[in-house]
C-alpha atoms as a PDB file:
ATOM      1  CA  UNK A   1     -20.345  11.096 -16.615  1.00  0.00           C
ATOM      2  CA  UNK A   2     -22.304  10.527 -12.874  1.00  0.00           C
ATOM      3  CA  UNK A   3     -22.586  14.124 -11.579  1.00  0.00           C
ATOM      4  CA  UNK A   4     -20.561  12.093  -7.672  1.00  0.00           C
ATOM      5  CA  UNK A   5     -18.002  10.493 -10.128  1.00  0.00           C
ATOM      6  CA  UNK A   6     -17.538  14.224 -12.115  1.00  0.00           C
ATOM      7  CA  UNK A   7     -16.901  16.061  -8.447  1.00  0.00           C
ATOM      8  CA  UNK A   8     -14.744  12.631  -7.385  1.00  0.00           C
ATOM      9  CA  UNK A   9     -12.194  13.414  -9.950  1.00  0.00           C
ATOM     10  CA  UNK A  10     -12.234  16.925  -9.646  1.00  0.00           C
ATOM     11  CA  UNK A  11     -11.297  16.377  -6.117  1.00  0.00           C
ATOM     12  CA  UNK A  12      -8.474  13.932  -7.202  1.00  0.00           C
ATOM     13  CA  UNK A  13      -7.148  16.387 -10.169  1.00  0.00           C
ATOM     14  CA  UNK A  14      -6.851  18.754  -6.730  1.00  0.00           C
ATOM     15  CA  UNK A  15      -4.996  16.943  -4.400  1.00  0.00           C
ATOM     16  CA  UNK A  16      -2.285  15.700  -7.858  1.00  0.00           C
ATOM     17  CA  UNK A  17      -1.709  19.298  -8.309  1.00  0.00           C
ATOM     18  CA  UNK A  18      -2.100  20.793  -4.663  1.00  0.00           C
ATOM     19  CA  UNK A  19       1.016  18.033  -4.559  1.00  0.00           C
ATOM     20  CA  UNK A  20       3.903  19.906  -5.879  1.00  0.00           C
ATOM     21  CA  UNK A  21       2.795  22.728  -2.958  1.00  0.00           C
ATOM     22  CA  UNK A  22       3.186  23.635   0.324  1.00  0.00           C
ATOM     23  CA  UNK A  23       0.562  21.966   2.803  1.00  0.00           C
ATOM     24  CA  UNK A  24       0.341  24.575   5.085  1.00  0.00           C
ATOM     25  CA  UNK A  25      -0.666  26.824   2.345  1.00  0.00           C
ATOM     26  CA  UNK A  26      -3.762  24.149   1.665  1.00  0.00           C
ATOM     27  CA  UNK A  27      -4.225  22.361   4.992  1.00  0.00           C
ATOM     28  CA  UNK A  28      -3.896  26.014   6.813  1.00  0.00           C
ATOM     29  CA  UNK A  29      -3.596  25.113  10.645  1.00  0.00           C
ATOM     30  CA  UNK A  30      -6.221  21.931  10.713  1.00  0.00           C
ATOM     31  CA  UNK A  31      -3.343  19.968  11.652  1.00  0.00           C
ATOM     32  CA  UNK A  32      -1.740  18.873  14.826  1.00  0.00           C
ATOM     33  CA  UNK A  33       0.747  15.976  15.694  1.00  0.00           C
ATOM     34  CA  UNK A  34       1.750  14.968  18.797  1.00  0.00           C
ATOM     35  CA  UNK A  35       5.297  12.804  19.481  1.00  0.00           C
ATOM     36  CA  UNK A  36       6.125  10.158  21.385  1.00  0.00           C
ATOM     37  CA  UNK A  37       9.225   8.221  21.776  1.00  0.00           C
ATOM     38  CA  UNK A  38       9.140   4.547  21.223  1.00  0.00           C
ATOM     39  CA  UNK A  39      12.190   2.464  21.199  1.00  0.00           C
ATOM     40  CA  UNK A  40      15.016   4.115  19.024  1.00  0.00           C
ATOM     41  CA  UNK A  41      12.903   6.290  16.760  1.00  0.00           C
ATOM     42  CA  UNK A  42      10.105   8.797  17.623  1.00  0.00           C
ATOM     43  CA  UNK A  43       6.471   8.594  16.340  1.00  0.00           C
ATOM     44  CA  UNK A  44       3.982  11.332  16.088  1.00  0.00           C
ATOM     45  CA  UNK A  45       0.121  11.148  15.867  1.00  0.00           C
ATOM     46  CA  UNK A  46      -1.036  14.151  13.712  1.00  0.00           C
ATOM     47  CA  UNK A  47      -4.498  14.596  12.712  1.00  0.00           C
ATOM     48  CA  UNK A  48      -5.703  16.649   9.632  1.00  0.00           C
ATOM     49  CA  UNK A  49      -8.975  17.855   7.914  1.00  0.00           C
ATOM     50  CA  UNK A  50      -9.747  16.378   4.931  1.00  0.00           C
ATOM     51  CA  UNK A  51     -13.312  16.533   3.312  1.00  0.00           C
ATOM     52  CA  UNK A  52     -14.977  18.129   6.451  1.00  0.00           C
ATOM     53  CA  UNK A  53     -13.545  14.790   8.059  1.00  0.00           C
ATOM     54  CA  UNK A  54     -10.787  14.580  10.968  1.00  0.00           C
ATOM     55  CA  UNK A  55      -8.610  12.048   9.840  1.00  0.00           C
ATOM     56  CA  UNK A  56      -5.254  10.992  11.444  1.00  0.00           C
ATOM     57  CA  UNK A  57      -2.488   8.674  10.677  1.00  0.00           C
ATOM     58  CA  UNK A  58       1.086   8.373  12.305  1.00  0.00           C
ATOM     59  CA  UNK A  59       4.544   8.618  10.866  1.00  0.00           C
ATOM     60  CA  UNK A  60       7.760   7.509  12.439  1.00  0.00           C
ATOM     61  CA  UNK A  61      11.084   8.882  11.742  1.00  0.00           C
ATOM     62  CA  UNK A  62      13.433   6.406  12.467  1.00  0.00           C
ATOM     63  CA  UNK A  63      17.644   7.555  14.221  1.00  0.00           C
ATOM     64  CA  UNK A  64      18.374   8.314  11.265  1.00  0.00           C
ATOM     65  CA  UNK A  65      16.761  10.690  10.270  1.00  0.00           C
ATOM     66  CA  UNK A  66      18.419  14.208  10.783  1.00  0.00           C
ATOM     67  CA  UNK A  67      16.236  17.429  10.162  1.00  0.00           C
ATOM     68  CA  UNK A  68      17.361  17.998   6.400  1.00  0.00           C
ATOM     69  CA  UNK A  69      17.807  14.368   5.664  1.00  0.00           C
ATOM     70  CA  UNK A  70      16.484  12.965   2.754  1.00  0.00           C
ATOM     71  CA  UNK A  71      15.047   9.297   3.488  1.00  0.00           C
ATOM     72  CA  UNK A  72      12.865   7.279   1.777  1.00  0.00           C
ATOM     73  CA  UNK A  73       9.316   7.385   2.903  1.00  0.00           C
ATOM     74  CA  UNK A  74       7.320   4.406   2.913  1.00  0.00           C
ATOM     75  CA  UNK A  75       3.173   4.635   3.672  1.00  0.00           C
ATOM     76  CA  UNK A  76       1.610   1.784   4.858  1.00  0.00           C
ATOM     77  CA  UNK A  77      -1.770   0.840   4.543  1.00  0.00           C
ATOM     78  CA  UNK A  78      -3.578  -0.907   7.563  1.00  0.00           C
ATOM     79  CA  UNK A  79      -6.411  -4.400   6.207  1.00  0.00           C
ATOM     80  CA  UNK A  80      -9.873  -4.282   7.485  1.00  0.00           C
ATOM     81  CA  UNK A  81     -10.588  -5.452  11.635  1.00  0.00           C
ATOM     82  CA  UNK A  82      -6.348  -3.653  11.657  1.00  0.00           C
ATOM     83  CA  UNK A  83      -5.991  -0.355  12.513  1.00  0.00           C
ATOM     84  CA  UNK A  84      -3.170   1.224  11.604  1.00  0.00           C
ATOM     85  CA  UNK A  85      -0.731   0.870  15.044  1.00  0.00           C
ATOM     86  CA  UNK A  86      -2.380  -3.064  15.097  1.00  0.00           C
ATOM     87  CA  UNK A  87      -1.397  -3.507  12.055  1.00  0.00           C
ATOM     88  CA  UNK A  88       2.203  -2.096  12.139  1.00  0.00           C
ATOM     89  CA  UNK A  89       3.108  -4.280  15.380  1.00  0.00           C
ATOM     90  CA  UNK A  90       2.254  -7.171  13.369  1.00  0.00           C
ATOM     91  CA  UNK A  91       3.994  -7.021  10.656  1.00  0.00           C
ATOM     92  CA  UNK A  92       7.179  -5.223  12.584  1.00  0.00           C
ATOM     93  CA  UNK A  93       6.582  -2.177  10.010  1.00  0.00           C
ATOM     94  CA  UNK A  94       8.832   0.157  12.681  1.00  0.00           C
ATOM     95  CA  UNK A  95      11.244  -2.292  13.002  1.00  0.00           C
ATOM     96  CA  UNK A  96      12.384  -2.873   9.478  1.00  0.00           C
ATOM     97  CA  UNK A  97      11.944   1.394   9.933  1.00  0.00           C
ATOM     98  CA  UNK A  98      14.798   1.384  11.833  1.00  0.00           C
ATOM     99  CA  UNK A  99      17.156  -1.546  10.680  1.00  0.00           C
ATOM    100  CA  UNK A 100      16.967  -0.146   6.710  1.00  0.00           C
ATOM    101  CA  UNK A 101      16.390   3.578   7.033  1.00  0.00           C
ATOM    102  CA  UNK A 102      12.900   4.133   6.041  1.00  0.00           C
ATOM    103  CA  UNK A 103      10.271   6.987   7.523  1.00  0.00           C
ATOM    104  CA  UNK A 104       7.199   5.686   8.006  1.00  0.00           C
ATOM    105  CA  UNK A 105       4.004   7.172   7.456  1.00  0.00           C
ATOM    106  CA  UNK A 106       0.888   4.715   8.157  1.00  0.00           C
ATOM    107  CA  UNK A 107      -3.339   6.615   7.750  1.00  0.00           C
ATOM    108  CA  UNK A 108      -5.811   5.493   9.919  1.00  0.00           C
ATOM    109  CA  UNK A 109      -9.427   3.732   8.292  1.00  0.00           C
ATOM    110  CA  UNK A 110     -12.540   5.741   8.542  1.00  0.00           C
ATOM    111  CA  UNK A 111     -14.572   3.599  10.655  1.00  0.00           C
ATOM    112  CA  UNK A 112     -15.114   2.769  14.693  1.00  0.00           C
ATOM    113  CA  UNK A 113     -12.030   1.071  17.595  1.00  0.00           C
ATOM    114  CA  UNK A 114     -10.887  -2.817  14.763  1.00  0.00           C
ATOM    115  CA  UNK A 115     -13.315  -2.012  12.454  1.00  0.00           C
ATOM    116  CA  UNK A 116     -11.918   0.309   9.972  1.00  0.00           C
ATOM    117  CA  UNK A 117     -11.828   0.809   6.573  1.00  0.00           C
ATOM    118  CA  UNK A 118      -9.662   1.794   3.466  1.00  0.00           C
ATOM    119  CA  UNK A 119     -12.681   3.105   0.390  1.00  0.00           C
ATOM    120  CA  UNK A 120     -10.981   1.461  -1.935  1.00  0.00           C
ATOM    121  CA  UNK A 121     -13.417   1.007  -4.676  1.00  0.00           C
ATOM    122  CA  UNK A 122     -14.771  -1.912  -4.012  1.00  0.00           C
ATOM    123  CA  UNK A 123     -18.599  -0.657  -2.644  1.00  0.00           C
ATOM    124  CA  UNK A 124     -20.267   1.888  -5.579  1.00  0.00           C
ATOM    125  CA  UNK A 125     -21.324   4.258  -1.798  1.00  0.00           C
ATOM    126  CA  UNK A 126     -21.645   8.070  -2.868  1.00  0.00           C
ATOM    127  CA  UNK A 127     -20.763   8.334   1.673  1.00  0.00           C
ATOM    128  CA  UNK A 128     -17.282   6.651   1.174  1.00  0.00           C
ATOM    129  CA  UNK A 129     -14.546   9.039   2.125  1.00  0.00           C
ATOM    130  CA  UNK A 130     -12.373   9.234  -0.758  1.00  0.00           C
ATOM    131  CA  UNK A 131      -8.854   7.818   1.004  1.00  0.00           C
ATOM    132  CA  UNK A 132      -7.072   9.038  -2.620  1.00  0.00           C
ATOM    133  CA  UNK A 133      -7.566  12.372  -1.457  1.00  0.00           C
ATOM    134  CA  UNK A 134      -6.987  11.695   2.547  1.00  0.00           C
ATOM    135  CA  UNK A 135      -3.713  10.093   1.055  1.00  0.00           C
ATOM    136  CA  UNK A 136      -1.947  13.564  -0.910  1.00  0.00           C
ATOM    137  CA  UNK A 137      -3.379  15.287   2.445  1.00  0.00           C
ATOM    138  CA  UNK A 138      -1.336  13.566   4.079  1.00  0.00           C
ATOM    139  CA  UNK A 139       1.304  13.469   2.597  1.00  0.00           C
ATOM    140  CA  UNK A 140       0.965  17.734   1.826  1.00  0.00           C
ATOM    141  CA  UNK A 141       1.278  17.204   5.383  1.00  0.00           C
ATOM    142  CA  UNK A 142       4.184  15.327   5.923  1.00  0.00           C
ATOM    143  CA  UNK A 143       6.276  17.549   3.372  1.00  0.00           C
ATOM    144  CA  UNK A 144       4.956  21.063   5.780  1.00  0.00           C
ATOM    145  CA  UNK A 145       6.766  18.877   8.914  1.00  0.00           C
ATOM    146  CA  UNK A 146      10.091  16.541   7.677  1.00  0.00           C
ATOM    147  CA  UNK A 147      12.158  16.433   3.943  1.00  0.00           C
ATOM    148  CA  UNK A 148      11.964  13.090   2.918  1.00  0.00           C
ATOM    149  CA  UNK A 149      13.004  11.795  -0.494  1.00  0.00           C
ATOM    150  CA  UNK A 150      10.294  13.125  -3.215  1.00  0.00           C
ATOM    151  CA  UNK A 151      11.527  10.086  -5.822  1.00  0.00           C
ATOM    152  CA  UNK A 152      11.149   7.498  -3.481  1.00  0.00           C
ATOM    153  CA  UNK A 153       8.081   7.457  -1.912  1.00  0.00           C
ATOM    154  CA  UNK A 154       5.996   3.822  -1.514  1.00  0.00           C
ATOM    155  CA  UNK A 155       2.996   2.336  -0.492  1.00  0.00           C
ATOM    156  CA  UNK A 156       2.485  -0.727   0.607  1.00  0.00           C
ATOM    157  CA  UNK A 157      -0.834  -1.872   2.222  1.00  0.00           C
ATOM    158  CA  UNK A 158      -3.140  -5.849   3.239  1.00  0.00           C
ATOM    159  CA  UNK A 159      -6.368  -6.682   1.481  1.00  0.00           C
ATOM    160  CA  UNK A 160      -8.288  -3.912   2.081  1.00  0.00           C
ATOM    161  CA  UNK A 161      -4.821  -0.981   2.363  1.00  0.00           C
ATOM    162  CA  UNK A 162      -3.381  -3.501  -0.632  1.00  0.00           C
ATOM    163  CA  UNK A 163      -5.862  -3.140  -3.031  1.00  0.00           C
ATOM    164  CA  UNK A 164      -5.724   0.564  -1.568  1.00  0.00           C
ATOM    165  CA  UNK A 165      -2.061   1.001  -3.400  1.00  0.00           C
ATOM    166  CA  UNK A 166      -4.108  -0.162  -6.268  1.00  0.00           C
ATOM    167  CA  UNK A 167      -5.932   3.113  -6.710  1.00  0.00           C
ATOM    168  CA  UNK A 168      -2.827   5.407  -5.818  1.00  0.00           C
ATOM    169  CA  UNK A 169      -0.722   3.928  -8.008  1.00  0.00           C
ATOM    170  CA  UNK A 170      -3.538   4.981 -11.106  1.00  0.00           C
ATOM    171  CA  UNK A 171      -4.900   7.819  -9.047  1.00  0.00           C
ATOM    172  CA  UNK A 172      -1.909  10.220  -8.479  1.00  0.00           C
ATOM    173  CA  UNK A 173       0.374   9.358 -11.279  1.00  0.00           C
ATOM    174  CA  UNK A 174       3.635  10.554 -10.659  1.00  0.00           C
ATOM    175  CA  UNK A 175       4.403  10.097  -6.865  1.00  0.00           C
ATOM    176  CA  UNK A 176       4.563   6.612  -5.944  1.00  0.00           C
ATOM    177  CA  UNK A 177       8.536   4.432  -6.905  1.00  0.00           C
ATOM    178  CA  UNK A 178       6.631   1.347  -6.361  1.00  0.00           C
ATOM    179  CA  UNK A 179       3.654  -0.493  -4.274  1.00  0.00           C
ATOM    180  CA  UNK A 180       3.496  -3.808  -2.473  1.00  0.00           C
ATOM    181  CA  UNK A 181      -0.480  -5.113  -2.176  1.00  0.00           C
ATOM    182  CA  UNK A 182      -0.419  -8.545  -0.132  1.00  0.00           C
ATOM    183  CA  UNK A 183      -3.859 -10.094  -1.201  1.00  0.00           C
ATOM    184  CA  UNK A 184      -5.168  -7.569  -2.783  1.00  0.00           C
ATOM    185  CA  UNK A 185      -6.185  -7.093  -5.691  1.00  0.00           C
ATOM    186  CA  UNK A 186      -8.113  -3.941  -7.329  1.00  0.00           C
ATOM    187  CA  UNK A 187     -11.820  -2.998  -7.320  1.00  0.00           C
ATOM    188  CA  UNK A 188     -12.145  -2.482 -11.382  1.00  0.00           C
ATOM    189  CA  UNK A 189      -9.611  -3.340 -14.193  1.00  0.00           C
ATOM    190  CA  UNK A 190      -7.050  -0.849 -14.692  1.00  0.00           C
ATOM    191  CA  UNK A 191      -6.975   2.967 -15.668  1.00  0.00           C
ATOM    192  CA  UNK A 192      -6.178   3.413 -19.596  1.00  0.00           C
ATOM    193  CA  UNK A 193      -3.239   5.157 -19.155  1.00  0.00           C
ATOM    194  CA  UNK A 194      -1.784   3.904 -16.301  1.00  0.00           C
ATOM    195  CA  UNK A 195       1.736   4.965 -16.136  1.00  0.00           C
ATOM    196  CA  UNK A 196       4.095   2.089 -15.401  1.00  0.00           C
ATOM    197  CA  UNK A 197       4.719   1.963 -11.906  1.00  0.00           C
ATOM    198  CA  UNK A 198       7.011  -0.374  -9.720  1.00  0.00           C
ATOM    199  CA  UNK A 199       4.585  -3.692  -8.111  1.00  0.00           C
ATOM    200  CA  UNK A 200       4.978  -6.907  -6.505  1.00  0.00           C
ATOM    201  CA  UNK A 201       1.818  -8.927  -5.560  1.00  0.00           C
ATOM    202  CA  UNK A 202       1.124 -11.392  -3.019  1.00  0.00           C
ATOM    203  CA  UNK A 203      -1.721 -13.776  -3.129  1.00  0.00           C
ATOM    204  CA  UNK A 204      -2.378 -17.117  -1.479  1.00  0.00           C
ATOM    205  CA  UNK A 205      -3.627 -19.423  -4.035  1.00  0.00           C
ATOM    206  CA  UNK A 206      -5.883 -20.884  -1.018  1.00  0.00           C
ATOM    207  CA  UNK A 207      -6.891 -17.367  -0.563  1.00  0.00           C
ATOM    208  CA  UNK A 208     -10.480 -17.656   1.301  1.00  0.00           C
ATOM    209  CA  UNK A 209     -10.925 -13.994   1.882  1.00  0.00           C
ATOM    210  CA  UNK A 210      -9.918 -12.217  -1.519  1.00  0.00           C
ATOM    211  CA  UNK A 211      -9.863 -15.764  -3.643  1.00  0.00           C
ATOM    212  CA  UNK A 212      -7.329 -15.527  -6.389  1.00  0.00           C
ATOM    213  CA  UNK A 213      -9.655 -16.101  -9.307  1.00  0.00           C
ATOM    214  CA  UNK A 214     -11.989 -13.194  -7.710  1.00  0.00           C
ATOM    215  CA  UNK A 215     -15.296 -12.388  -6.152  1.00  0.00           C
ATOM    216  CA  UNK A 216     -16.718 -16.054  -4.748  1.00  0.00           C
ATOM    217  CA  UNK A 217     -20.116 -16.893  -3.856  1.00  0.00           C
ATOM    218  CA  UNK A 218     -19.391 -16.551  -0.048  1.00  0.00           C
ATOM    219  CA  UNK A 219     -18.277 -12.714  -1.112  1.00  0.00           C
ATOM    220  CA  UNK A 220     -20.757 -10.283  -0.481  1.00  0.00           C
ATOM    221  CA  UNK A 221     -23.067  -9.020  -4.066  1.00  0.00           C
ATOM    222  CA  UNK A 222     -21.806  -5.621  -3.010  1.00  0.00           C
ATOM    223  CA  UNK A 223     -18.145  -5.969  -2.853  1.00  0.00           C
ATOM    224  CA  UNK A 224     -16.182  -6.371  -6.601  1.00  0.00           C
ATOM    225  CA  UNK A 225     -12.416  -6.491  -6.689  1.00  0.00           C
ATOM    226  CA  UNK A 226      -9.927  -8.418  -9.760  1.00  0.00           C
ATOM    227  CA  UNK A 227      -8.861 -11.612  -9.812  1.00  0.00           C
ATOM    228  CA  UNK A 228      -4.871 -12.540  -9.624  1.00  0.00           C
ATOM    229  CA  UNK A 229      -4.644 -13.296 -13.254  1.00  0.00           C
ATOM    230  CA  UNK A 230      -5.975 -10.858 -14.504  1.00  0.00           C
ATOM    231  CA  UNK A 231      -4.535  -7.802 -12.158  1.00  0.00           C
ATOM    232  CA  UNK A 232      -1.093  -9.144 -13.008  1.00  0.00           C
ATOM    233  CA  UNK A 233      -1.588  -9.369 -17.384  1.00  0.00           C
ATOM    234  CA  UNK A 234      -2.615  -5.707 -16.901  1.00  0.00           C
ATOM    235  CA  UNK A 235      -0.018  -5.172 -14.770  1.00  0.00           C
ATOM    236  CA  UNK A 236       2.645  -6.369 -17.311  1.00  0.00           C
ATOM    237  CA  UNK A 237       1.049  -5.257 -20.125  1.00  0.00           C
ATOM    238  CA  UNK A 238       1.434  -1.401 -18.394  1.00  0.00           C
ATOM    239  CA  UNK A 239       5.151  -1.860 -17.971  1.00  0.00           C
ATOM    240  CA  UNK A 240       5.613  -3.443 -20.566  1.00  0.00           C
ATOM    241  CA  UNK A 241       6.585  -6.837 -18.993  1.00  0.00           C
ATOM    242  CA  UNK A 242       6.701  -9.254 -22.371  1.00  0.00           C
ATOM    243  CA  UNK A 243       9.482 -11.877 -21.657  1.00  0.00           C
ATOM    244  CA  UNK A 244       9.623 -15.169 -19.632  1.00  0.00           C
ATOM    245  CA  UNK A 245      10.007 -14.150 -15.936  1.00  0.00           C
ATOM    246  CA  UNK A 246      12.867 -15.411 -13.589  1.00  0.00           C
ATOM    247  CA  UNK A 247      11.020 -17.705 -10.991  1.00  0.00           C
ATOM    248  CA  UNK A 248      12.536 -18.643  -7.447  1.00  0.00           C
ATOM    249  CA  UNK A 249      10.928 -21.388  -5.822  1.00  0.00           C
ATOM    250  CA  UNK A 250      11.100 -20.540  -1.398  1.00  0.00           C
ATOM    251  CA  UNK A 251      10.541 -23.697   0.350  1.00  0.00           C
ATOM    252  CA  UNK A 252      10.384 -24.308   4.385  1.00  0.00           C
ATOM    253  CA  UNK A 253       9.467 -27.741   5.402  1.00  0.00           C
ATOM    254  CA  UNK A 254       6.232 -27.533   7.884  1.00  0.00           C
ATOM    255  CA  UNK A 255       4.531 -24.346   6.680  1.00  0.00           C
ATOM    256  CA  UNK A 256       1.936 -26.353   4.372  1.00  0.00           C
ATOM    257  CA  UNK A 257       2.819 -23.797   1.692  1.00  0.00           C
ATOM    258  CA  UNK A 258       5.799 -22.667  -0.812  1.00  0.00           C
ATOM    259  CA  UNK A 259       6.726 -19.718  -2.646  1.00  0.00           C
ATOM    260  CA  UNK A 260       6.727 -19.384  -6.679  1.00  0.00           C
ATOM    261  CA  UNK A 261       8.050 -16.188  -7.071  1.00  0.00           C
ATOM    262  CA  UNK A 262       8.436 -14.814 -10.531  1.00  0.00           C
ATOM    263  CA  UNK A 263       9.610 -11.530 -11.788  1.00  0.00           C
ATOM    264  CA  UNK A 264       9.791  -9.305 -15.066  1.00  0.00           C
ATOM    265  CA  UNK A 265      13.160  -7.471 -14.435  1.00  0.00           C
ATOM    266  CA  UNK A 266      13.474  -3.842 -15.798  1.00  0.00           C
ATOM    267  CA  UNK A 267      14.923  -3.228 -18.260  1.00  0.00           C
ATOM    268  CA  UNK A 268      14.328  -4.729 -20.276  1.00  0.00           C
ATOM    269  CA  UNK A 269      10.847  -3.940 -19.483  1.00  0.00           C
ATOM    270  CA  UNK A 270       9.594   0.053 -18.505  1.00  0.00           C
ATOM    271  CA  UNK A 271       9.113  -0.897 -14.826  1.00  0.00           C
ATOM    272  CA  UNK A 272       9.672  -3.990 -12.570  1.00  0.00           C
ATOM    273  CA  UNK A 273       6.809  -6.821 -11.971  1.00  0.00           C
ATOM    274  CA  UNK A 274       6.985  -9.404  -9.341  1.00  0.00           C
ATOM    275  CA  UNK A 275       4.586 -12.102  -8.586  1.00  0.00           C
ATOM    276  CA  UNK A 276       4.518 -13.635  -5.074  1.00  0.00           C
ATOM    277  CA  UNK A 277       2.462 -17.140  -5.346  1.00  0.00           C
ATOM    278  CA  UNK A 278       1.769 -18.648  -2.679  1.00  0.00           C
ATOM    279  CA  UNK A 279       0.960 -22.086  -3.095  1.00  0.00           C
ATOM    280  CA  UNK A 280      -1.671 -23.119  -0.595  1.00  0.00           C
ATOM    281  CA  UNK A 281      -1.629 -19.712   1.215  1.00  0.00           C
ATOM    282  CA  UNK A 282      -4.015 -18.066   2.751  1.00  0.00           C
ATOM    283  CA  UNK A 283      -5.110 -14.898   3.580  1.00  0.00           C
ATOM    284  CA  UNK A 284      -2.177 -13.579   6.179  1.00  0.00           C
ATOM    285  CA  UNK A 285       1.175 -11.935   6.023  1.00  0.00           C
ATOM    286  CA  UNK A 286       4.274 -14.332   4.927  1.00  0.00           C
ATOM    287  CA  UNK A 287       6.550 -14.215   8.343  1.00  0.00           C
ATOM    288  CA  UNK A 288       9.809 -16.331   9.302  1.00  0.00           C
ATOM    289  CA  UNK A 289       8.067 -16.514  12.358  1.00  0.00           C
ATOM    290  CA  UNK A 290       4.009 -17.947  13.349  1.00  0.00           C
ATOM    291  CA  UNK A 291       2.364 -15.405  14.109  1.00  0.00           C
ATOM    292  CA  UNK A 292      -1.354 -14.700  15.626  1.00  0.00           C
ATOM    293  CA  UNK A 293      -4.076 -16.651  13.425  1.00  0.00           C
ATOM    294  CA  UNK A 294      -7.350 -14.739  12.517  1.00  0.00           C
ATOM    295  CA  UNK A 295     -10.611 -17.211  11.996  1.00  0.00           C
ATOM    296  CA  UNK A 296     -10.896 -18.598   8.262  1.00  0.00           C
ATOM    297  CA  UNK A 297      -8.061 -16.933   7.060  1.00  0.00           C
ATOM    298  CA  UNK A 298      -6.488 -20.254   5.689  1.00  0.00           C
ATOM    299  CA  UNK A 299      -1.946 -21.201   5.531  1.00  0.00           C
ATOM    300  CA  UNK A 300       0.034 -18.437   7.119  1.00  0.00           C
ATOM    301  CA  UNK A 301       3.721 -18.983   4.692  1.00  0.00           C
ATOM    302  CA  UNK A 302       6.914 -18.922   7.504  1.00  0.00           C
ATOM    303  CA  UNK A 303       8.570 -19.216   3.660  1.00  0.00           C
ATOM    304  CA  UNK A 304       9.584 -15.891   3.842  1.00  0.00           C
ATOM    305  CA  UNK A 305      10.195 -12.679   5.425  1.00  0.00           C
ATOM    306  CA  UNK A 306       7.749 -10.430   4.300  1.00  0.00           C
ATOM    307  CA  UNK A 307       8.153  -7.690   5.411  1.00  0.00           C
ATOM    308  CA  UNK A 308      12.107  -7.335   4.164  1.00  0.00           C
ATOM    309  CA  UNK A 309      11.626  -9.270   0.874  1.00  0.00           C
ATOM    310  CA  UNK A 310       9.498  -5.749   0.888  1.00  0.00           C
ATOM    311  CA  UNK A 311      11.543  -3.711   1.389  1.00  0.00           C
ATOM    312  CA  UNK A 312      14.055  -5.024  -1.122  1.00  0.00           C
ATOM    313  CA  UNK A 313      11.883  -5.020  -3.962  1.00  0.00           C
ATOM    314  CA  UNK A 314      10.690  -1.059  -3.084  1.00  0.00           C
ATOM    315  CA  UNK A 315      14.308  -0.032  -2.179  1.00  0.00           C
ATOM    316  CA  UNK A 316      15.953  -0.505  -5.431  1.00  0.00           C
ATOM    317  CA  UNK A 317      12.523   1.758  -7.259  1.00  0.00           C
ATOM    318  CA  UNK A 318      13.271   5.620  -7.505  1.00  0.00           C
ATOM    319  CA  UNK A 319      11.059   7.447  -9.212  1.00  0.00           C
ATOM    320  CA  UNK A 320      12.725   9.711 -12.638  1.00  0.00           C
ATOM    321  CA  UNK A 321      11.765  13.128 -12.557  1.00  0.00           C
ATOM    322  CA  UNK A 322      10.960  14.555 -16.079  1.00  0.00           C
ATOM    323  CA  UNK A 323      12.166  17.629 -16.254  1.00  0.00           C
END
């Protein structure tokens, strides 16, 4: 095996081990948090030192949070060109945290200005940060600051951020109780030995950025990611979703799209699998109201409130601890 890959594997193994211990002991005094009241809750902007890099994230405590309480924790991963605070406002995750009562943590991708992204394995560059290790470090740092329900830790992301949620489900086994990926498929086929994980995939059939069928002639040659059908088939196999799905149609007139939802429930499956197929949908976050248009991203579906739909799926998932 390539030495760089071996080192990355060792870092991830160490990160997984550390998830069971105190973050303070691991990270020392390399992190800091500054709290600001925003809306009805409080946002804390935090820096930690990971892999000789200063990385940042914020976490938001909703009004339901009290010291010692154990609310669910949602990790939100932004897309390229929309840093964490911008994307949070775009999809309304703080408002959802207030409404549903979960803690929100949103890491910042590497880069500068709006040109920030996560290393989801899309390209082979040893200089890229290991964002699986960063995520594990962030969870450890949070564990030293606040209480949360460790059986209800979820990840949601869009595009590049959605791609990372697939990587986290594979490389941090037993940490996440469920993932939601919008317009993002994994960089490579799912690894052998991936644990059954509740997953909701959301993708437009006319997505011009991450096409349903995988990289197109317009995709840069150094970028690689899986097609939707193959990814869905792999998750169904891992999750034991062999039966025919329960299908639902969502369609509100006027947005040029409609949604086909396919559910493979658990039980009988080992873990729930959901496919939200947006017919004629683009590289957009579905929402009931019209959102800011980003050029060449295709149609936005206004058939569902994606933020609410995602939380309805995640909130019924709970990781079972093995004695």
